[in-house]
């Protein structure tokens, strides 16, 4: 069997802890042959620890050696690296978010279409048991036409104190573009073809700019903190459905929590924990299922889907046009907050 040869661009925590282990578990169908990082010593160490043959000083040098790359860099470089790889005839798996803005996403999709190579984006929540079970239930009519969607990705005191997560120039944003985007993407995927049309949003960072804050995930400089740590927004869809969306790294709440529920005409669904709500036989039913939100398993499924899609044995679960829509909404959320008004997505 032919193996897919993969290169890793960026050797930070997400590469070391998620993507390299996930791809290496698939050693019957894939082989990581090269790594690159702007910190050459880090890349060399990662290669030695994972038995990866080549360490590249320039990421473009690996294009001749590989069939695909995984882009695990700060968000600022997602588009540049992805487009270069696609134009060189290399498949791309790119960590979320897709890119910094709408225009970069458009250029990435254009490059993928022109090259005929695959472009996948790392929204791994779709690969959890909870998400896949919800998708099946919704497609089977458990909800019917959606009316109200409630989505929360809330952390009480977990501003990432490592890497470049709080660097707006390199990341483009904070809690929304790092964490909230996962639940936002998942919500949109479950809603299938429902088209978002208008957004009213507000972003905050007052807590993280206040000195002497408690933080569970390391330290950061409150004086230079310039990204969002809490976001709230309201999204209206073309069919008049609406979504209440909120995410945070830092908020005065009781506990960390994630929530995704959809109330429809024929029923309702909630993912965490997984429940279905329906009215039948003259009474109200609540059905429960034991389905996990296992991100390690989801990462392996995500890697499997990408590799098999590159080998022509599967279809991408996360299509670039879908990830592009998520990034468009992120753009609109930030724009709405800055301008203090609702934003029509047709004007973003």
Protein backbone atom coordinates (compact mmCIF):
# COMPACT_ATOMS: atom_id res chain seq x y z
CA UNK A 1 0.00 0.00 0.00
CA UNK A 2 1.25 3.47 -0.87
CA UNK A 3 1.82 5.66 2.16
CA UNK A 4 1.01 9.36 2.21
CA UNK A 5 4.20 11.29 2.96
CA UNK A 6 3.53 14.22 5.29
CA UNK A 7 5.57 17.24 6.39
CA UNK A 8 4.88 19.24 9.54
CA UNK A 9 5.24 23.03 9.34
CA UNK A 10 5.42 24.47 12.83
CA UNK A 11 6.51 22.37 15.82
CA UNK A 12 4.61 24.05 18.64
CA UNK A 13 2.36 22.34 21.17
CA UNK A 14 -0.50 21.62 18.76
CA UNK A 15 1.87 19.76 16.43
CA UNK A 16 3.68 17.86 19.18
CA UNK A 17 0.64 16.97 21.28
CA UNK A 18 -2.08 16.42 18.68
CA UNK A 19 -1.11 16.13 15.04
CA UNK A 20 2.19 14.27 15.10
CA UNK A 21 0.83 11.56 17.45
CA UNK A 22 -2.39 11.28 15.41
CA UNK A 23 -0.59 10.88 12.07
CA UNK A 24 1.98 8.49 13.51
CA UNK A 25 -0.79 6.20 14.76
CA UNK A 26 -1.70 5.78 11.10
CA UNK A 27 1.70 4.31 10.23
CA UNK A 28 0.19 1.77 7.83
CA UNK A 29 -1.03 4.52 5.50
CA UNK A 30 1.09 7.56 6.29
CA UNK A 31 4.63 8.55 7.16
CA UNK A 32 5.85 11.87 8.59
CA UNK A 33 9.09 12.48 6.70
CA UNK A 34 9.97 16.12 7.43
CA UNK A 35 9.48 18.95 9.92
CA UNK A 36 10.13 22.69 9.90
CA UNK A 37 10.00 25.43 12.51
CA UNK A 38 11.47 28.93 12.62
CA UNK A 39 13.21 27.62 15.75
CA UNK A 40 15.51 25.10 14.07
CA UNK A 41 16.65 23.57 17.35
CA UNK A 42 13.04 22.88 18.31
CA UNK A 43 12.36 21.25 14.94
CA UNK A 44 15.50 19.15 15.28
CA UNK A 45 14.45 18.03 18.76
CA UNK A 46 10.95 17.14 17.56
CA UNK A 47 12.41 15.16 14.67
CA UNK A 48 14.76 13.23 16.96
CA UNK A 49 12.02 12.45 19.47
CA UNK A 50 9.64 11.19 16.78
CA UNK A 51 12.05 9.46 14.38
CA UNK A 52 11.39 11.94 11.57
CA UNK A 53 14.12 11.89 8.95
CA UNK A 54 14.39 15.44 7.61
CA UNK A 55 14.58 18.83 9.33
CA UNK A 56 14.10 21.74 6.92
CA UNK A 57 15.40 25.27 7.41
CA UNK A 58 12.92 26.47 4.74
CA UNK A 59 9.45 24.90 4.74
CA UNK A 60 9.26 25.07 0.95
CA UNK A 61 12.20 22.68 0.73
CA UNK A 62 9.96 19.85 1.94
CA UNK A 63 7.47 20.18 -0.94
CA UNK A 64 9.61 17.92 -3.14
CA UNK A 65 9.64 15.24 -0.44
CA UNK A 66 6.00 15.11 0.63
CA UNK A 67 2.49 14.54 -0.66
CA UNK A 68 0.89 16.69 2.03
CA UNK A 69 1.73 19.10 4.84
CA UNK A 70 0.14 19.98 8.16
CA UNK A 71 0.26 23.72 8.89
CA UNK A 72 0.64 24.20 12.66
CA UNK A 73 1.95 27.78 12.78
CA UNK A 74 0.50 30.98 14.23
CA UNK A 75 -2.61 32.06 12.34
CA UNK A 76 -0.83 34.86 10.49
CA UNK A 77 1.08 32.33 8.37
CA UNK A 78 -1.73 29.89 7.55
CA UNK A 79 -2.62 31.41 4.20
CA UNK A 80 0.93 32.05 3.00
CA UNK A 81 2.16 28.52 3.72
CA UNK A 82 -1.02 26.77 2.55
CA UNK A 83 -1.09 28.62 -0.76
CA UNK A 84 2.60 27.95 -1.41
CA UNK A 85 2.07 24.23 -0.79
CA UNK A 86 -1.07 23.99 -2.91
CA UNK A 87 0.63 25.82 -5.78
CA UNK A 88 3.44 23.26 -5.52
CA UNK A 89 1.02 20.35 -5.87
CA UNK A 90 0.91 19.42 -2.19
CA UNK A 91 -2.24 18.62 -0.20
CA UNK A 92 -2.76 20.80 2.90
CA UNK A 93 -4.15 20.18 6.35
CA UNK A 94 -4.28 23.59 8.08
CA UNK A 95 -5.00 24.16 11.74
CA UNK A 96 -7.99 26.31 12.58
CA UNK A 97 -8.88 29.07 12.08
CA UNK A 98 -8.49 28.90 8.34
CA UNK A 99 -6.76 32.29 8.12
CA UNK A 100 -6.82 35.83 9.51
CA UNK A 101 -9.56 37.21 7.28
CA UNK A 102 -11.98 36.71 4.41
CA UNK A 103 -9.53 37.63 1.65
CA UNK A 104 -6.90 35.17 2.84
CA UNK A 105 -9.51 32.41 2.97
CA UNK A 106 -10.64 33.21 -0.57
CA UNK A 107 -7.06 32.98 -1.83
CA UNK A 108 -6.63 29.61 -0.12
CA UNK A 109 -9.79 28.20 -1.71
CA UNK A 110 -8.74 29.55 -5.11
CA UNK A 111 -5.33 27.90 -4.78
CA UNK A 112 -6.93 24.57 -3.82
CA UNK A 113 -9.36 24.70 -6.74
CA UNK A 114 -6.64 25.69 -9.20
CA UNK A 115 -4.21 23.01 -8.06
CA UNK A 116 -6.71 20.21 -7.69
CA UNK A 117 -5.21 19.39 -4.30
CA UNK A 118 -7.11 19.02 -1.03
CA UNK A 119 -7.36 21.72 1.62
CA UNK A 120 -8.67 20.63 5.03
CA UNK A 121 -9.10 22.79 8.13
CA UNK A 122 -8.65 21.48 11.69
CA UNK A 123 -12.12 21.78 13.20
CA UNK A 124 -11.81 18.48 15.04
CA UNK A 125 -14.93 18.89 17.19
CA UNK A 126 -16.88 17.56 14.20
CA UNK A 127 -15.18 14.19 14.72
CA UNK A 128 -16.36 13.65 18.32
CA UNK A 129 -19.04 11.07 19.06
CA UNK A 130 -21.36 13.81 20.34
CA UNK A 131 -21.08 15.80 17.12
CA UNK A 132 -21.43 12.83 14.77
CA UNK A 133 -24.44 11.47 16.67
CA UNK A 134 -26.09 14.91 16.60
CA UNK A 135 -25.49 15.18 12.86
CA UNK A 136 -27.18 11.83 12.26
CA UNK A 137 -30.13 12.73 14.49
CA UNK A 138 -30.67 16.09 12.78
CA UNK A 139 -30.42 14.57 9.28
CA UNK A 140 -32.97 11.99 10.42
CA UNK A 141 -35.46 14.75 11.31
CA UNK A 142 -35.10 14.83 15.09
CA UNK A 143 -35.17 18.66 15.15
CA UNK A 144 -36.96 19.67 11.98
CA UNK A 145 -36.60 23.30 10.95
CA UNK A 146 -34.30 24.96 13.49
CA UNK A 147 -35.60 27.99 15.37
CA UNK A 148 -33.16 28.93 18.16
CA UNK A 149 -29.56 27.80 18.60
CA UNK A 150 -27.61 28.35 21.82
CA UNK A 151 -23.84 27.96 21.71
CA UNK A 152 -21.35 28.58 24.50
CA UNK A 153 -17.63 27.87 24.81
CA UNK A 154 -16.81 29.30 28.22
CA UNK A 155 -13.67 29.16 30.31
CA UNK A 156 -13.52 30.87 33.69
CA UNK A 157 -9.80 31.67 33.95
CA UNK A 158 -7.86 29.98 31.13
CA UNK A 159 -6.03 32.59 29.11
CA UNK A 160 -3.21 30.63 27.39
CA UNK A 161 -0.04 31.95 28.98
CA UNK A 162 2.29 30.24 26.51
CA UNK A 163 3.10 30.64 22.83
CA UNK A 164 1.65 33.60 20.93
CA UNK A 165 -2.03 33.19 21.81
CA UNK A 166 -2.33 36.74 23.15
CA UNK A 167 -0.43 38.34 20.24
CA UNK A 168 -3.01 40.00 18.01
CA UNK A 169 -0.55 40.57 15.17
CA UNK A 170 0.22 36.85 14.92
CA UNK A 171 -3.15 35.39 15.93
CA UNK A 172 -5.72 37.94 14.80
CA UNK A 173 -7.80 37.64 17.97
CA UNK A 174 -8.20 35.82 21.25
CA UNK A 175 -10.89 33.60 22.75
CA UNK A 176 -13.09 33.71 19.64
CA UNK A 177 -10.47 32.85 17.04
CA UNK A 178 -8.80 30.28 19.32
CA UNK A 179 -11.58 28.49 21.21
CA UNK A 180 -15.02 29.81 20.34
CA UNK A 181 -14.49 29.09 16.65
CA UNK A 182 -14.73 25.33 17.38
CA UNK A 183 -18.28 25.53 18.73
CA UNK A 184 -19.22 28.13 16.13
CA UNK A 185 -18.07 25.85 13.31
CA UNK A 186 -19.79 22.85 14.86
CA UNK A 187 -23.07 24.76 15.18
CA UNK A 188 -22.95 25.83 11.54
CA UNK A 189 -22.16 22.27 10.42
CA UNK A 190 -25.14 20.90 12.32
CA UNK A 191 -27.38 23.55 10.78
CA UNK A 192 -26.40 22.26 7.33
CA UNK A 193 -27.46 24.80 4.67
CA UNK A 194 -28.93 27.49 6.93
CA UNK A 195 -27.38 30.74 5.75
CA UNK A 196 -26.32 33.34 8.37
CA UNK A 197 -27.13 36.86 7.19
CA UNK A 198 -26.71 39.34 10.07
CA UNK A 199 -24.63 39.60 13.23
CA UNK A 200 -24.62 41.88 16.27
CA UNK A 201 -21.65 41.32 18.58
CA UNK A 202 -19.50 42.69 21.35
CA UNK A 203 -15.99 41.69 22.38
CA UNK A 204 -14.35 42.36 25.75
CA UNK A 205 -10.95 42.14 27.42
CA UNK A 206 -11.35 44.19 30.60
CA UNK A 207 -10.71 41.22 32.92
CA UNK A 208 -7.41 40.29 31.28
CA UNK A 209 -6.29 43.91 31.21
CA UNK A 210 -6.88 44.19 34.95
CA UNK A 211 -3.75 43.57 37.10
CA UNK A 212 -3.41 40.67 39.54
CA UNK A 213 -5.93 38.40 37.84
CA UNK A 214 -6.02 34.70 38.67
CA UNK A 215 -5.21 32.54 35.64
CA UNK A 216 -5.10 28.73 35.52
CA UNK A 217 -3.00 28.53 32.35
CA UNK A 218 0.21 30.41 33.05
CA UNK A 219 1.01 34.10 33.10
CA UNK A 220 0.61 36.93 30.62
CA UNK A 221 1.20 40.68 30.55
CA UNK A 222 -2.05 42.48 31.30
CA UNK A 223 -0.60 45.77 30.07
CA UNK A 224 0.06 44.48 26.54
CA UNK A 225 -3.00 42.21 26.33
CA UNK A 226 -4.84 43.34 23.17
CA UNK A 227 -7.08 40.43 22.14
CA UNK A 228 -10.57 39.42 23.25
CA UNK A 229 -11.08 37.29 26.35
CA UNK A 230 -14.91 37.27 26.19
CA UNK A 231 -17.30 37.54 23.24
CA UNK A 232 -21.07 37.66 22.95
CA UNK A 233 -23.10 37.81 19.75
CA UNK A 234 -26.48 37.25 18.15
CA UNK A 235 -26.71 35.73 14.65
CA UNK A 236 -29.79 35.80 12.41
CA UNK A 237 -30.21 33.29 9.58
CA UNK A 238 -31.96 33.63 6.23
CA UNK A 239 -34.78 31.31 7.34
CA UNK A 240 -35.31 33.49 10.49
CA UNK A 241 -33.56 31.06 12.84
CA UNK A 242 -31.30 32.75 15.39
CA UNK A 243 -28.19 31.84 17.38
CA UNK A 244 -27.06 33.10 20.76
CA UNK A 245 -23.29 32.64 20.82
CA UNK A 246 -20.81 33.31 23.63
CA UNK A 247 -17.20 32.32 24.29
CA UNK A 248 -14.52 33.24 26.81
CA UNK A 249 -11.04 32.64 28.13
CA UNK A 250 -11.78 34.73 31.21
CA UNK A 251 -15.22 35.40 32.70
CA UNK A 252 -16.76 35.66 36.14
CA UNK A 253 -18.80 32.49 35.89
CA UNK A 254 -19.12 29.46 38.18
CA UNK A 255 -17.35 26.87 36.02
CA UNK A 256 -15.93 26.19 32.59
CA UNK A 257 -18.68 24.96 30.32
CA UNK A 258 -19.56 24.20 26.74
CA UNK A 259 -23.10 24.11 25.44
CA UNK A 260 -24.70 23.55 22.07
CA UNK A 261 -28.44 23.11 21.76
CA UNK A 262 -30.93 23.52 18.94
CA UNK A 263 -34.66 24.02 19.41
CA UNK A 264 -36.60 23.22 16.26
CA UNK A 265 -40.16 22.80 15.10
CA UNK A 266 -40.17 19.02 15.53
CA UNK A 267 -37.85 18.64 18.48
CA UNK A 268 -34.74 19.77 20.25
CA UNK A 269 -31.21 18.52 20.77
CA UNK A 270 -28.41 19.24 23.24
CA UNK A 271 -24.88 17.87 22.91
CA UNK A 272 -23.33 18.32 26.38
CA UNK A 273 -24.75 16.07 27.76
CA UNK A 274 -26.41 14.48 24.74
CA UNK A 275 -30.21 14.66 24.90
CA UNK A 276 -33.15 14.77 22.51
CA UNK A 277 -36.39 16.59 23.36
CA UNK A 278 -39.59 15.69 21.55
CA UNK A 279 -43.33 15.84 22.02
CA UNK A 280 -45.06 12.55 21.20
CA UNK A 281 -47.68 10.16 22.50
CA UNK A 282 -49.33 13.03 24.29
CA UNK A 283 -46.36 13.91 26.48
CA UNK A 284 -42.85 15.43 26.47
CA UNK A 285 -39.98 13.00 25.94
CA UNK A 286 -36.34 13.45 26.94
CA UNK A 287 -34.05 10.81 25.48
CA UNK A 288 -30.43 10.49 26.55
CA UNK A 289 -27.39 8.86 24.96
CA UNK A 290 -23.90 8.14 26.26
CA UNK A 291 -21.64 9.80 23.70
CA UNK A 292 -18.27 11.32 24.47
CA UNK A 293 -16.43 14.48 23.60
CA UNK A 294 -13.03 12.76 23.29
CA UNK A 295 -10.66 15.18 21.57
CA UNK A 296 -7.80 12.67 21.32
CA UNK A 297 -10.04 10.23 19.47
CA UNK A 298 -11.40 13.11 17.37
CA UNK A 299 -7.86 14.09 16.38
CA UNK A 300 -7.15 10.55 15.18
CA UNK A 301 -10.39 10.46 13.20
CA UNK A 302 -9.56 13.84 11.71
CA UNK A 303 -6.10 12.65 10.65
CA UNK A 304 -7.59 9.46 9.20
CA UNK A 305 -10.15 11.43 7.20
CA UNK A 306 -7.47 13.73 5.78
CA UNK A 307 -5.06 10.94 4.85
CA UNK A 308 -7.74 8.74 3.28
CA UNK A 309 -9.15 11.73 1.39
CA UNK A 310 -5.69 12.46 -0.03
CA UNK A 311 -5.42 8.80 -1.04
CA UNK A 312 -8.81 8.98 -2.78
CA UNK A 313 -10.54 6.70 -0.27
CA UNK A 314 -12.78 9.24 1.52
CA UNK A 315 -14.31 12.72 1.27
CA UNK A 316 -13.23 15.58 3.50
CA UNK A 317 -15.51 16.11 6.49
CA UNK A 318 -14.36 19.73 6.87
CA UNK A 319 -14.50 21.36 3.46
CA UNK A 320 -12.58 24.62 2.92
CA UNK A 321 -15.69 26.52 1.87
CA UNK A 322 -17.32 25.63 5.20
CA UNK A 323 -14.31 26.80 7.19
CA UNK A 324 -14.28 29.94 5.05
CA UNK A 325 -17.85 30.67 6.17
CA UNK A 326 -16.82 30.32 9.81
CA UNK A 327 -14.00 32.81 9.25
CA UNK A 328 -16.41 35.21 7.54
CA UNK A 329 -18.60 35.17 10.66
CA UNK A 330 -15.55 35.74 12.88
CA UNK A 331 -14.68 38.76 10.72
CA UNK A 332 -18.24 40.06 11.12
CA UNK A 333 -18.20 39.57 14.90
CA UNK A 334 -15.05 41.66 15.26
CA UNK A 335 -16.35 44.27 12.81
CA UNK A 336 -19.67 44.55 14.63
CA UNK A 337 -17.94 45.12 17.96
CA UNK A 338 -15.59 47.77 16.59
CA UNK A 339 -18.31 49.66 14.70
CA UNK A 340 -21.00 49.25 17.33
CA UNK A 341 -23.69 48.07 14.92
CA UNK A 342 -25.09 44.94 13.34
CA UNK A 343 -23.29 43.67 10.27
CA UNK A 344 -24.86 42.16 7.17
CA UNK A 345 -22.61 39.32 6.01
CA UNK A 346 -23.13 40.41 2.42
CA UNK A 347 -21.23 43.59 3.34
CA UNK A 348 -18.21 41.94 5.01
